[in-house]
Amino acid sequence: MDDIVYLTEADVRMLTDMATLREHLRVAFGLFSAGKADVPPRIAARSADGLLAAMPGYLEGVGLVVKAVSVFAGNHGTDIPSHQGLIIVCDEHTGTPLAVMDGASVTALRTAASAAVAADLLARQDSTVLAIIGGGVQGHSHLQAFAGIRPWSSVRVASRSKGSAFALAARHPSAKAMSFEEAVRGADVVCLTTDADEPVIDPAWVSPGAHVGSVGNRAELHAGFLGGTVFVEWTGAAASPPPAGATELQGIDLARVVEIGRVVNGDHRGRSDHDEVTVYKSTGHAIEDAAAARLVLDAAIETGVGLRLPR
């Protein structure tokens, strides 16, 4: 391929099949935990209003990828997204740039799909009630990503914005908007997808045997969920300070932090019993970008979608 493929947000979303993405991410987590990847901690440069982070990564058989993503919380409520970015995919053998694609859409899709992979591995098989806390981009992406991993008979949605909750609930025939506590009590899987600076749910609301996933990049996960095993994309989520690591996991005993790839590879059993509340904390990881971007690029090459740019 002599040209560089350029893919817009619309291209990325059109080319992404969520079930296939989940499977690619599952494989990627296993490869990472088996030592077949090289991913340094992300770095960030900060301005007065936000930050620009760089996330490079190598995944064997997938390629070299780097994402540049800006996070500007002040953009909320405007026509400019709070998260923007680009992903560059390079050939792993020659270093040749192969593609440039919208990074915000890849991030939205792969974050939710990764959370769905974790839930599929850790949630009880008889789970039927899904709660999504947060009605923003990740709330919408989670609704899409979690479809099909369990036979959901009920989907509960809660958000600090009632309008956002109702808008999200309208996208699923079994979904209903309600309060945070109503959504969580009795739910089998609870997805935290907010940008909150403090915990958004009380551990006392969570039923025995539930699975709780958190993808927020601030401090939405209550410390009461951190007494047992915490599953992560990489151990650096607890060993590294933000922005590479998770705010909520700072100071946690690293012996209780388990990579989800170890569950994929059969090196850890995952859920220990029917009543364990399993917890997954996401920080986002470059192997997710690599797996998702490769999937999108391959689909673009096969279908001819995207703009071809000369080198």
Protein backbone atom coordinates (compact mmCIF):
# COMPACT_ATOMS: atom_id res chain seq x y z
CA MET A 1 0.00 0.00 0.00
CA ASP A 2 1.70 3.18 -1.23
CA ASP A 3 -0.75 5.76 0.08
CA ILE A 4 -1.64 6.78 3.61
CA VAL A 5 -5.28 6.08 4.48
CA TYR A 6 -7.11 8.95 6.18
CA LEU A 7 -10.31 8.04 8.06
CA THR A 8 -12.84 10.43 9.57
CA GLU A 9 -15.03 9.85 12.62
CA ALA A 10 -17.86 8.73 10.35
CA ASP A 11 -15.53 6.31 8.59
CA VAL A 12 -14.33 4.82 11.88
CA ARG A 13 -17.82 4.27 13.21
CA MET A 14 -19.07 2.79 9.94
CA LEU A 15 -16.14 0.36 9.75
CA THR A 16 -16.30 -0.82 13.38
CA ASP A 17 -18.26 -3.97 14.18
CA MET A 18 -18.61 -4.05 17.95
CA ALA A 19 -18.63 -7.84 18.35
CA THR A 20 -15.47 -8.13 16.26
CA LEU A 21 -13.85 -5.29 18.19
CA ARG A 22 -14.56 -7.04 21.49
CA GLU A 23 -12.88 -10.20 20.21
CA HIS A 24 -9.84 -8.27 18.94
CA LEU A 25 -9.50 -6.53 22.30
CA ARG A 26 -9.80 -9.80 24.17
CA VAL A 27 -6.90 -11.18 22.13
CA ALA A 28 -4.93 -7.96 22.63
CA PHE A 29 -5.28 -8.11 26.42
CA GLY A 30 -4.01 -11.68 26.38
CA LEU A 31 -1.03 -10.78 24.19
CA PHE A 32 -0.17 -7.82 26.42
CA SER A 33 -0.21 -9.91 29.61
CA ALA A 34 1.90 -12.54 27.82
CA GLY A 35 4.60 -9.94 27.19
CA LYS A 36 3.99 -9.53 23.45
CA ALA A 37 3.58 -5.78 23.52
CA ASP A 38 5.54 -2.67 24.39
CA VAL A 39 3.54 0.18 25.86
CA PRO A 40 5.27 2.97 27.81
CA PRO A 41 3.15 5.04 30.19
CA ARG A 42 1.30 7.90 28.55
CA ILE A 43 2.68 11.40 28.90
CA ALA A 44 0.89 14.72 28.84
CA ALA A 45 1.62 18.39 28.33
CA ARG A 46 -0.75 20.74 30.11
CA SER A 47 -1.96 24.20 29.21
CA ALA A 48 -4.04 26.46 31.43
CA ASP A 49 -7.23 24.93 30.01
CA GLY A 50 -6.47 21.29 29.31
CA LEU A 51 -3.90 18.72 28.29
CA LEU A 52 -2.48 16.94 25.27
CA ALA A 53 -1.54 13.32 25.94
CA ALA A 54 0.56 10.97 23.83
CA MET A 55 -0.03 7.21 23.93
CA PRO A 56 2.40 5.12 21.85
CA GLY A 57 2.22 1.34 21.76
CA TYR A 58 3.34 -1.79 19.95
CA LEU A 59 1.30 -4.97 19.76
CA GLU A 60 2.74 -8.02 18.05
CA GLY A 61 0.97 -8.79 14.79
CA VAL A 62 -0.97 -5.53 14.91
CA GLY A 63 1.57 -2.77 14.48
CA LEU A 64 2.94 0.41 15.98
CA VAL A 65 0.36 3.00 16.97
CA VAL A 66 0.49 6.41 18.57
CA LYS A 67 -2.50 8.45 19.68
CA ALA A 68 -2.40 12.15 20.40
CA VAL A 69 -5.47 13.11 22.42
CA SER A 70 -6.48 16.45 23.90
CA VAL A 71 -8.75 16.69 26.94
CA PHE A 72 -10.38 20.05 27.59
CA ALA A 73 -13.20 19.81 30.14
CA GLY A 74 -14.18 23.42 29.47
CA ASN A 75 -15.52 22.36 26.08
CA HIS A 76 -18.51 20.66 27.72
CA GLY A 77 -21.67 22.44 26.65
CA THR A 78 -20.09 23.85 23.49
CA ASP A 79 -19.87 22.64 19.91
CA ILE A 80 -16.29 21.48 20.54
CA PRO A 81 -15.85 17.97 22.05
CA SER A 82 -13.96 17.67 25.33
CA HIS A 83 -11.86 14.83 23.87
CA GLN A 84 -10.25 15.18 20.45
CA GLY A 85 -7.38 13.34 18.82
CA LEU A 86 -5.72 11.49 16.00
CA ILE A 87 -4.22 8.01 15.72
CA ILE A 88 -1.30 7.13 13.47
CA VAL A 89 -0.78 3.47 12.52
CA CYS A 90 2.69 2.38 11.33
CA ASP A 91 3.95 -0.91 9.94
CA GLU A 92 5.63 -2.90 12.72
CA HIS A 93 8.44 -4.15 10.44
CA THR A 94 9.37 -0.99 8.50
CA GLY A 95 7.93 1.85 10.56
CA THR A 96 6.13 3.15 7.48
CA PRO A 97 3.02 5.23 8.31
CA LEU A 98 -0.06 3.42 7.03
CA ALA A 99 -3.00 5.43 8.29
CA VAL A 100 -4.21 8.51 10.14
CA MET A 101 -7.65 8.30 11.69
CA ASP A 102 -9.96 10.11 14.06
CA GLY A 103 -8.89 9.28 17.59
CA ALA A 104 -11.95 10.39 19.55
CA SER A 105 -14.24 7.83 17.92
CA VAL A 106 -11.67 5.04 18.33
CA THR A 107 -11.29 5.99 22.01
CA ALA A 108 -15.03 6.03 22.61
CA LEU A 109 -15.57 2.65 20.99
CA ARG A 110 -12.54 0.79 22.33
CA THR A 111 -13.04 2.05 25.91
CA ALA A 112 -16.59 0.73 26.04
CA ALA A 113 -15.70 -2.47 24.20
CA SER A 114 -12.84 -3.14 26.64
CA ALA A 115 -15.22 -2.66 29.57
CA ALA A 116 -17.58 -5.13 27.88
CA VAL A 117 -14.74 -7.66 27.51
CA ALA A 118 -14.01 -7.33 31.22
CA ALA A 119 -17.69 -7.71 32.11
CA ASP A 120 -18.01 -10.75 29.87
CA LEU A 121 -15.09 -12.38 31.69
CA LEU A 122 -16.11 -11.37 35.22
CA ALA A 123 -19.89 -10.95 35.42
CA ARG A 124 -22.08 -13.90 36.38
CA GLN A 125 -23.38 -15.86 33.41
CA ASP A 126 -26.96 -15.39 34.66
CA SER A 127 -26.71 -11.58 34.60
CA THR A 128 -29.76 -9.93 33.04
CA VAL A 129 -29.94 -6.41 34.53
CA LEU A 130 -27.55 -3.74 33.24
CA ALA A 131 -27.12 -0.29 34.82
CA ILE A 132 -25.30 2.51 32.99
CA ILE A 133 -24.37 5.50 35.13
CA GLY A 134 -23.61 8.49 32.94
CA GLY A 135 -25.40 9.71 29.83
CA GLY A 136 -22.48 11.12 27.86
CA VAL A 137 -20.29 9.68 25.11
CA GLN A 138 -19.27 6.65 27.14
CA GLY A 139 -22.82 5.98 28.30
CA HIS A 140 -23.89 5.75 24.66
CA SER A 141 -20.83 3.68 23.72
CA HIS A 142 -21.44 1.27 26.61
CA LEU A 143 -25.03 0.73 25.52
CA GLN A 144 -23.70 -0.32 22.13
CA ALA A 145 -20.72 -2.33 23.39
CA PHE A 146 -22.60 -4.37 26.01
CA ALA A 147 -25.28 -5.55 23.61
CA GLY A 148 -25.02 -9.28 23.18
CA ILE A 149 -22.65 -10.21 26.01
CA ARG A 150 -25.64 -11.18 28.17
CA PRO A 151 -29.41 -11.45 27.48
CA TRP A 152 -30.32 -8.11 29.07
CA SER A 153 -33.97 -8.06 30.12
CA SER A 154 -33.61 -4.66 31.76
CA VAL A 155 -31.31 -1.70 31.06
CA ARG A 156 -31.28 1.09 33.63
CA VAL A 157 -29.84 4.51 32.90
CA ALA A 158 -28.95 7.33 35.29
CA SER A 159 -27.17 10.61 34.73
CA ARG A 160 -26.59 13.90 36.51
CA SER A 161 -28.45 15.36 33.53
CA LYS A 162 -32.00 14.03 33.36
CA GLY A 163 -32.20 14.99 29.71
CA SER A 164 -29.12 12.91 28.93
CA ALA A 165 -30.53 9.94 30.82
CA PHE A 166 -33.81 10.04 28.91
CA ALA A 167 -31.99 10.47 25.59
CA LEU A 168 -29.83 7.42 26.27
CA ALA A 169 -32.74 5.31 27.50
CA ALA A 170 -34.64 6.11 24.31
CA ARG A 171 -32.02 4.21 22.33
CA HIS A 172 -32.92 0.78 23.79
CA PRO A 173 -36.37 -0.83 24.00
CA SER A 174 -35.68 -2.27 27.46
CA ALA A 175 -34.07 0.85 28.89
CA LYS A 176 -35.53 3.17 31.51
CA ALA A 177 -34.15 6.36 33.06
CA MET A 178 -34.14 6.51 36.86
CA SER A 179 -32.15 7.76 39.85
CA PHE A 180 -28.62 6.56 40.55
CA GLU A 181 -29.69 4.44 43.51
CA GLU A 182 -32.69 2.95 41.70
CA ALA A 183 -30.48 2.03 38.76
CA VAL A 184 -27.84 0.29 40.87
CA ARG A 185 -29.96 -1.62 43.39
CA GLY A 186 -30.58 -5.11 42.03
CA ALA A 187 -28.41 -4.61 38.93
CA ASP A 188 -26.14 -7.47 37.88
CA VAL A 189 -23.68 -5.26 35.98
CA VAL A 190 -23.03 -1.61 36.83
CA CYS A 191 -21.13 0.61 34.39
CA LEU A 192 -19.72 3.90 35.67
CA THR A 193 -19.08 6.21 32.71
CA THR A 194 -18.88 9.70 34.20
CA ASP A 195 -16.27 12.44 34.49
CA ALA A 196 -17.10 12.97 38.16
CA ASP A 197 -14.48 14.17 40.64
CA GLU A 198 -16.01 12.12 43.46
CA PRO A 199 -17.75 8.74 43.87
CA VAL A 200 -21.09 8.52 42.09
CA ILE A 201 -22.56 5.40 43.72
CA ASP A 202 -22.57 3.94 47.22
CA PRO A 203 -21.19 0.39 47.61
CA ALA A 204 -24.16 -0.34 49.88
CA TRP A 205 -26.44 -0.14 46.84
CA VAL A 206 -24.60 -2.91 45.00
CA SER A 207 -25.96 -6.45 45.22
CA PRO A 208 -23.75 -9.43 46.12
CA GLY A 209 -22.36 -11.01 42.97
CA ALA A 210 -22.63 -7.88 40.84
CA HIS A 211 -19.91 -6.65 38.51
CA VAL A 212 -18.86 -2.99 38.66
CA GLY A 213 -16.86 -1.36 35.88
CA SER A 214 -15.48 2.17 35.91
CA VAL A 215 -14.03 4.04 32.92
CA GLY A 216 -14.10 7.59 34.29
CA ASN A 217 -10.72 9.36 34.26
CA ARG A 218 -11.20 11.21 37.53
CA ALA A 219 -12.50 9.74 40.81
CA GLU A 220 -15.95 8.21 40.22
CA LEU A 221 -15.17 4.85 41.90
CA HIS A 222 -15.83 4.68 45.65
CA ALA A 223 -12.94 3.44 47.83
CA GLY A 224 -15.33 0.86 49.26
CA PHE A 225 -15.01 -1.12 46.03
CA LEU A 226 -11.24 -1.50 46.41
CA GLY A 227 -11.03 -3.94 49.32
CA GLY A 228 -10.68 -7.04 47.16
CA THR A 229 -9.27 -7.86 43.74
CA VAL A 230 -9.33 -5.04 41.21
CA PHE A 231 -9.04 -5.95 37.53
CA VAL A 232 -7.25 -3.54 35.20
CA GLU A 233 -5.87 -3.32 31.66
CA TRP A 234 -2.33 -3.00 33.05
CA THR A 235 -0.77 -2.97 36.52
CA GLY A 236 0.51 0.54 35.89
CA ALA A 237 -3.05 1.69 36.54
CA ALA A 238 -2.12 1.38 40.22
CA ALA A 239 1.68 1.66 40.04
CA SER A 240 1.81 4.89 38.02
CA PRO A 241 0.48 8.32 38.97
CA PRO A 242 -2.12 10.07 36.80
CA PRO A 243 -2.46 10.72 33.93
CA ALA A 244 -1.03 7.26 33.23
CA GLY A 245 -2.52 5.62 36.31
CA ALA A 246 -5.96 5.77 37.93
CA THR A 247 -6.64 8.37 40.60
CA GLU A 248 -8.68 5.89 42.65
CA LEU A 249 -5.97 3.19 42.65
CA GLN A 250 -3.10 5.24 44.02
CA GLY A 251 -1.63 3.50 47.08
CA ILE A 252 -3.56 0.24 46.63
CA ASP A 253 -1.76 -3.03 47.38
CA LEU A 254 -0.42 -4.13 43.99
CA ALA A 255 -0.90 -7.79 44.98
CA ARG A 256 -4.65 -7.21 44.59
CA VAL A 257 -4.37 -5.70 41.11
CA VAL A 258 -4.87 -8.21 38.27
CA GLU A 259 -4.58 -7.60 34.54
CA ILE A 260 -7.65 -8.66 32.60
CA GLY A 261 -5.29 -10.36 30.14
CA ARG A 262 -4.35 -12.85 32.84
CA VAL A 263 -7.98 -13.94 32.99
CA VAL A 264 -8.03 -14.22 29.18
CA ASN A 265 -4.90 -16.40 29.29
CA GLY A 266 -6.22 -18.62 32.09
CA ASP A 267 -3.57 -17.41 34.56
CA HIS A 268 -6.21 -16.06 36.94
CA ARG A 269 -9.65 -17.43 37.61
CA GLY A 270 -11.36 -14.04 37.58
CA ARG A 271 -14.52 -14.25 39.67
CA SER A 272 -13.88 -16.27 42.83
CA ASP A 273 -17.48 -17.13 43.72
CA HIS A 274 -21.12 -16.34 42.97
CA ASP A 275 -21.35 -13.55 45.58
CA GLU A 276 -18.09 -11.72 44.85
CA VAL A 277 -18.51 -8.14 43.65
CA THR A 278 -16.00 -7.99 40.81
CA VAL A 279 -14.45 -4.63 40.00
CA TYR A 280 -12.82 -3.41 36.79
CA LYS A 281 -11.05 -0.04 36.64
CA SER A 282 -10.04 1.32 33.25
CA THR A 283 -7.42 3.94 32.52
CA GLY A 284 -7.36 3.41 28.77
CA HIS A 285 -4.38 1.76 27.13
CA ALA A 286 -2.49 1.98 23.85
CA ILE A 287 -3.00 -1.73 23.10
CA GLU A 288 -6.72 -0.96 22.88
CA ASP A 289 -6.00 1.80 20.37
CA ALA A 290 -3.71 -0.54 18.42
CA ALA A 291 -6.26 -3.36 18.24
CA ALA A 292 -9.13 -1.05 17.33
CA ALA A 293 -7.17 0.99 14.80
CA ARG A 294 -5.87 -2.14 13.05
CA LEU A 295 -9.40 -3.51 12.80
CA VAL A 296 -10.62 -0.24 11.28
CA LEU A 297 -7.68 0.01 8.89
CA ASP A 298 -8.10 -3.55 7.62
CA ALA A 299 -11.80 -2.91 7.02
CA ALA A 300 -10.99 0.34 5.20
CA ILE A 301 -8.52 -1.42 2.91
CA GLU A 302 -11.00 -4.19 2.18
CA THR A 303 -13.89 -1.84 1.41
CA GLY A 304 -12.05 1.10 -0.10
CA VAL A 305 -13.47 3.49 2.50
CA GLY A 306 -11.44 6.60 3.36
CA LEU A 307 -9.27 9.12 1.63
CA ARG A 308 -5.95 7.96 0.14
CA LEU A 309 -3.20 10.52 0.62
CA PRO A 310 0.15 10.42 -1.21
CA ARG A 311 3.23 10.22 0.98
